[in-house]
C-alpha atoms as a PDB file:
ATOM      1  CA  MET A   1      -0.240  -0.139  -0.063  1.00  0.00           C
ATOM      2  CA  ARG A   2       1.405   3.375  -0.844  1.00  0.00           C
ATOM      3  CA  ARG A   3       2.521   5.355   2.013  1.00  0.00           C
ATOM      4  CA  ASP A   4       0.472   8.510   0.650  1.00  0.00           C
ATOM      5  CA  TYR A   5      -2.854   6.753   1.078  1.00  0.00           C
ATOM      6  CA  PHE A   6      -2.515   7.370   5.335  1.00  0.00           C
ATOM      7  CA  GLU A   7      -2.485  11.053   7.135  1.00  0.00           C
ATOM      8  CA  LEU A   8      -1.312  10.538  10.919  1.00  0.00           C
ATOM      9  CA  ASP A   9      -2.461  12.977  13.475  1.00  0.00           C
ATOM     10  CA  VAL A  10      -1.490  13.084  17.461  1.00  0.00           C
ATOM     11  CA  ASP A  11      -3.786  13.877  20.457  1.00  0.00           C
ATOM     12  CA  HIS A  12      -3.163  14.280  24.137  1.00  0.00           C
ATOM     13  CA  ILE A  13       0.652  15.021  24.298  1.00  0.00           C
ATOM     14  CA  ASP A  14       0.765  18.362  25.031  1.00  0.00           C
ATOM     15  CA  TRP A  15      -0.024  18.280  28.272  1.00  0.00           C
ATOM     16  CA  VAL A  16       3.593  16.504  29.460  1.00  0.00           C
ATOM     17  CA  GLU A  17       5.076  19.969  28.669  1.00  0.00           C
ATOM     18  CA  ALA A  18       2.153  22.255  29.942  1.00  0.00           C
ATOM     19  CA  ASP A  19       2.509  20.360  33.386  1.00  0.00           C
ATOM     20  CA  GLU A  20      -1.365  19.526  33.011  1.00  0.00           C
ATOM     21  CA  PRO A  21      -3.067  16.107  34.190  1.00  0.00           C
ATOM     22  CA  PRO A  22      -2.089  13.000  32.306  1.00  0.00           C
ATOM     23  CA  GLN A  23      -4.267  11.870  29.241  1.00  0.00           C
ATOM     24  CA  LYS A  24      -3.422   8.758  27.112  1.00  0.00           C
ATOM     25  CA  PRO A  25      -1.878   9.796  24.180  1.00  0.00           C
ATOM     26  CA  LEU A  26      -3.403   8.894  20.791  1.00  0.00           C
ATOM     27  CA  VAL A  27      -2.614   8.471  17.217  1.00  0.00           C
ATOM     28  CA  ARG A  28      -5.009   8.355  14.404  1.00  0.00           C
ATOM     29  CA  ILE A  29      -4.162   7.255  10.965  1.00  0.00           C
ATOM     30  CA  ASP A  30      -6.690   8.013   8.623  1.00  0.00           C
ATOM     31  CA  PHE A  31      -6.714   5.730   5.267  1.00  0.00           C
ATOM     32  CA  HIS A  32      -7.605   7.351   1.806  1.00  0.00           C
ATOM     33  CA  GLY A  33      -7.292   3.966  -0.386  1.00  0.00           C
ATOM     34  CA  PRO A  34      -8.987   1.012  -1.223  1.00  0.00           C
ATOM     35  CA  GLU A  35     -10.777   0.131   1.715  1.00  0.00           C
ATOM     36  CA  GLU A  36     -10.386  -3.511   0.825  1.00  0.00           C
ATOM     37  CA  THR A  37      -6.646  -4.207   0.745  1.00  0.00           C
ATOM     38  CA  LEU A  38      -6.642  -2.205   4.246  1.00  0.00           C
ATOM     39  CA  THR A  39      -9.337  -4.188   5.431  1.00  0.00           C
ATOM     40  CA  ASP A  40      -6.931  -7.965   4.346  1.00  0.00           C
ATOM     41  CA  ARG A  41      -4.215  -6.649   6.032  1.00  0.00           C
ATOM     42  CA  LEU A  42      -6.326  -5.631   9.708  1.00  0.00           C
ATOM     43  CA  THR A  43      -7.338  -9.396   9.465  1.00  0.00           C
ATOM     44  CA  ASP A  44      -6.225 -12.819  10.404  1.00  0.00           C
ATOM     45  CA  ALA A  45      -6.482 -15.928   8.637  1.00  0.00           C
ATOM     46  CA  ASP A  46     -10.078 -16.229   9.773  1.00  0.00           C
ATOM     47  CA  GLY A  47     -11.449 -13.131   8.499  1.00  0.00           C
ATOM     48  CA  GLU A  48     -11.470 -11.667  12.757  1.00  0.00           C
ATOM     49  CA  LEU A  49      -9.573  -8.421  12.621  1.00  0.00           C
ATOM     50  CA  LEU A  50      -6.400  -8.345  14.569  1.00  0.00           C
ATOM     51  CA  GLU A  51      -6.490  -7.811  18.491  1.00  0.00           C
ATOM     52  CA  ASP A  52      -3.934  -5.537  20.104  1.00  0.00           C
ATOM     53  CA  GLY A  53      -1.604  -8.228  21.006  1.00  0.00           C
ATOM     54  CA  GLU A  54      -1.203  -9.533  17.422  1.00  0.00           C
ATOM     55  CA  THR A  55      -0.031  -6.253  16.419  1.00  0.00           C
ATOM     56  CA  ASP A  56       3.472  -3.979  16.719  1.00  0.00           C
ATOM     57  CA  VAL A  57       3.915  -0.131  16.361  1.00  0.00           C
ATOM     58  CA  ALA A  58       7.398   0.720  15.174  1.00  0.00           C
ATOM     59  CA  PHE A  59       9.497   3.708  13.982  1.00  0.00           C
ATOM     60  CA  ARG A  60      12.481   3.278  11.509  1.00  0.00           C
ATOM     61  CA  LEU A  61      14.916   6.352  11.417  1.00  0.00           C
ATOM     62  CA  GLN A  62      16.372   7.453   7.903  1.00  0.00           C
ATOM     63  CA  GLY A  63      18.997   9.478   9.561  1.00  0.00           C
ATOM     64  CA  ASP A  64      20.747  10.746  12.806  1.00  0.00           C
ATOM     65  CA  VAL A  65      18.085  10.157  15.866  1.00  0.00           C
ATOM     66  CA  ASN A  66      19.653  13.787  16.626  1.00  0.00           C
ATOM     67  CA  ASP A  67      19.763  15.571  13.668  1.00  0.00           C
ATOM     68  CA  PRO A  68      16.507  18.116  14.446  1.00  0.00           C
ATOM     69  CA  ASP A  69      15.318  17.546  10.744  1.00  0.00           C
ATOM     70  CA  ALA A  70      15.509  13.547  10.722  1.00  0.00           C
ATOM     71  CA  THR A  71      12.495  11.473   9.283  1.00  0.00           C
ATOM     72  CA  GLY A  72      11.595   7.986   9.725  1.00  0.00           C
ATOM     73  CA  VAL A  73       9.044   5.420   8.800  1.00  0.00           C
ATOM     74  CA  VAL A  74       6.380   4.548  11.476  1.00  0.00           C
ATOM     75  CA  SER A  75       4.905   1.071  10.634  1.00  0.00           C
ATOM     76  CA  VAL A  76       2.301  -1.093  12.398  1.00  0.00           C
ATOM     77  CA  THR A  77       2.632  -4.855  11.427  1.00  0.00           C
ATOM     78  CA  ASN A  78       1.101  -7.988  11.887  1.00  0.00           C
ATOM     79  CA  ARG A  79       2.803  -9.824  14.665  1.00  0.00           C
ATOM     80  CA  ILE A  80       2.057 -13.281  13.910  1.00  0.00           C
ATOM     81  CA  THR A  81       3.383 -12.969   9.975  1.00  0.00           C
ATOM     82  CA  GLY A  82       5.461 -10.025  10.478  1.00  0.00           C
ATOM     83  CA  ASP A  83       3.228  -8.333   7.590  1.00  0.00           C
ATOM     84  CA  PHE A  84       3.166  -4.619   7.568  1.00  0.00           C
ATOM     85  CA  VAL A  85      -0.459  -3.600   7.827  1.00  0.00           C
ATOM     86  CA  LEU A  86       0.642   0.113   6.758  1.00  0.00           C
ATOM     87  CA  GLU A  87       3.651   2.406   6.948  1.00  0.00           C
ATOM     88  CA  LEU A  88       4.176   6.374   6.858  1.00  0.00           C
ATOM     89  CA  ASN A  89       6.672   8.925   6.655  1.00  0.00           C
ATOM     90  CA  GLU A  90       6.709  11.059   9.953  1.00  0.00           C
ATOM     91  CA  ASP A  91       9.051  13.631  11.587  1.00  0.00           C
ATOM     92  CA  ALA A  92      11.398  11.844  13.741  1.00  0.00           C
ATOM     93  CA  ASP A  93      11.096  14.662  16.316  1.00  0.00           C
ATOM     94  CA  ASP A  94       6.925  14.215  16.755  1.00  0.00           C
ATOM     95  CA  VAL A  95       7.494  10.781  16.723  1.00  0.00           C
ATOM     96  CA  LEU A  96       9.617  10.631  20.023  1.00  0.00           C
ATOM     97  CA  ARG A  97       7.557  13.395  21.569  1.00  0.00           C
ATOM     98  CA  PHE A  98       4.676  11.384  21.268  1.00  0.00           C
ATOM     99  CA  ILE A  99       6.737   8.379  22.359  1.00  0.00           C
ATOM    100  CA  ARG A 100       7.849  10.737  25.602  1.00  0.00           C
ATOM    101  CA  ALA A 101       4.133  11.681  26.357  1.00  0.00           C
ATOM    102  CA  ALA A 102       2.859   7.762  26.122  1.00  0.00           C
ATOM    103  CA  ARG A 103       5.761   6.875  28.639  1.00  0.00           C
ATOM    104  CA  GLU A 104       4.934   9.381  31.140  1.00  0.00           C
ATOM    105  CA  TYR A 105       1.722   8.196  30.839  1.00  0.00           C
ATOM    106  CA  GLY A 106       2.529   5.290  31.519  1.00  0.00           C
ATOM    107  CA  LYS A 107       4.336   6.431  34.301  1.00  0.00           C
ATOM    108  CA  SER A 108       1.567   8.561  36.242  1.00  0.00           C
ATOM    109  CA  GLU A 109      -1.101   5.676  34.955  1.00  0.00           C
ATOM    110  CA  ALA A 110       0.397   2.852  36.001  1.00  0.00           C
ATOM    111  CA  ASP A 111      -2.856   1.108  36.609  1.00  0.00           C
ATOM    112  CA  ASP A 112      -4.520   1.715  33.206  1.00  0.00           C
ATOM    113  CA  GLU A 113      -4.979  -2.102  32.087  1.00  0.00           C
ATOM    114  CA  ASP A 114      -5.259  -1.032  28.475  1.00  0.00           C
ATOM    115  CA  GLY A 115      -1.953   0.653  27.409  1.00  0.00           C
ATOM    116  CA  GLN A 116      -0.295   3.415  27.035  1.00  0.00           C
ATOM    117  CA  TYR A 117      -1.135   5.112  24.369  1.00  0.00           C
ATOM    118  CA  ARG A 118      -4.174   4.355  21.508  1.00  0.00           C
ATOM    119  CA  VAL A 119      -3.981   3.724  17.699  1.00  0.00           C
ATOM    120  CA  GLU A 120      -7.235   4.360  15.866  1.00  0.00           C
ATOM    121  CA  ILE A 121      -6.989   3.466  12.251  1.00  0.00           C
ATOM    122  CA  ARG A 122     -10.278   5.028  10.500  1.00  0.00           C
ATOM    123  CA  THR A 123     -11.064   4.635   6.645  1.00  0.00           C
ATOM    124  CA  ASP A 124     -13.497   7.200   4.406  1.00  0.00           C
ATOM    125  CA  ASP A 125     -15.806   5.222   5.316  1.00  0.00           C
ATOM    126  CA  GLY A 126     -15.926   5.967   8.769  1.00  0.00           C
ATOM    127  CA  ASP A 127     -15.069   2.354  10.019  1.00  0.00           C
ATOM    128  CA  THR A 128     -12.343   2.814  12.896  1.00  0.00           C
ATOM    129  CA  VAL A 129     -10.024  -0.153  14.528  1.00  0.00           C
ATOM    130  CA  VAL A 130      -8.784   0.845  17.585  1.00  0.00           C
ATOM    131  CA  TYR A 131      -5.484  -0.860  19.503  1.00  0.00           C
ATOM    132  CA  GLU A 132      -4.504   0.015  22.906  1.00  0.00           C
ATOM    133  CA  LYS A 133      -0.445  -0.607  23.179  1.00  0.00           C
ATOM    134  CA  ARG A 134       1.977  -0.367  25.473  1.00  0.00           C
ATOM    135  CA  THR A 135       5.309  -0.868  23.326  1.00  0.00           C
ATOM    136  CA  PHE A 136       6.386   1.364  20.407  1.00  0.00           C
ATOM    137  CA  LEU A 137      10.123   0.501  19.524  1.00  0.00           C
ATOM    138  CA  VAL A 138      12.847   2.991  17.567  1.00  0.00           C
ATOM    139  CA  TYR A 139      15.226   1.649  15.343  1.00  0.00           C
ATOM    140  CA  ASP A 140      18.211   3.545  14.071  1.00  0.00           C
ATOM    141  CA  ALA A 141      18.777   3.441   9.991  1.00  0.00           C
ATOM    142  CA  ASP A 142      21.104   0.505  10.286  1.00  0.00           C
ATOM    143  CA  GLY A 143      18.144  -1.527  12.336  1.00  0.00           C
ATOM    144  CA  ASN A 144      19.511  -1.361  15.211  1.00  0.00           C
ATOM    145  CA  LEU A 145      17.087  -1.306  18.269  1.00  0.00           C
ATOM    146  CA  LEU A 146      17.364   2.256  20.154  1.00  0.00           C
ATOM    147  CA  ARG A 147      16.226   1.020  23.751  1.00  0.00           C
ATOM    148  CA  GLY A 148      16.777   4.750  25.382  1.00  0.00           C
ATOM    149  CA  HIS A 149      14.190   6.429  22.844  1.00  0.00           C
ATOM    150  CA  SER A 150      11.275   3.410  22.115  1.00  0.00           C
ATOM    151  CA  LEU A 151       8.502   2.826  24.522  1.00  0.00           C
ATOM    152  CA  ILE A 152       9.285  -0.727  26.231  1.00  0.00           C
ATOM    153  CA  PRO A 153       7.499  -1.781  29.354  1.00  0.00           C
ATOM    154  CA  SER A 154       9.504  -2.823  32.409  1.00  0.00           C
ATOM    155  CA  GLY A 155      10.013  -6.690  32.462  1.00  0.00           C
ATOM    156  CA  VAL A 156       9.570  -6.754  28.645  1.00  0.00           C
ATOM    157  CA  GLU A 157      12.832  -8.396  27.455  1.00  0.00           C
ATOM    158  CA  LEU A 158      13.225  -8.019  23.902  1.00  0.00           C
END
């Protein structure tokens, strides 16, 4: 699927810098392409929608993490098959800011069983898939995991 089929928008991240009450960070991904293609990628072999634990979210840098103009690719993958559900280009600073907000939310709302951030994938027809997530992995341009920039729950070994 083409990356330009997707638009990404985030909410509930400014509270960290404004010293306001915590809000669960939300990333909305709007899809403007052939819906059947996205539906195929969001379902398992039995035609059921993938569940939270069957998806992974990651960001792969295309430059140096310290470069203020660095960009990268956000991806949602099927954890079972390893197939990409979707990919889209984003500025590294925006993604890392989102991850910081999710990390702070997790610290302040440790009893939130659902996750540290929410992903909503919406189609033009109004269909929405929601994933509650705790992990957001960040990789450098060579594919090495950047643990210090990733969101990895305590007790999880990779």
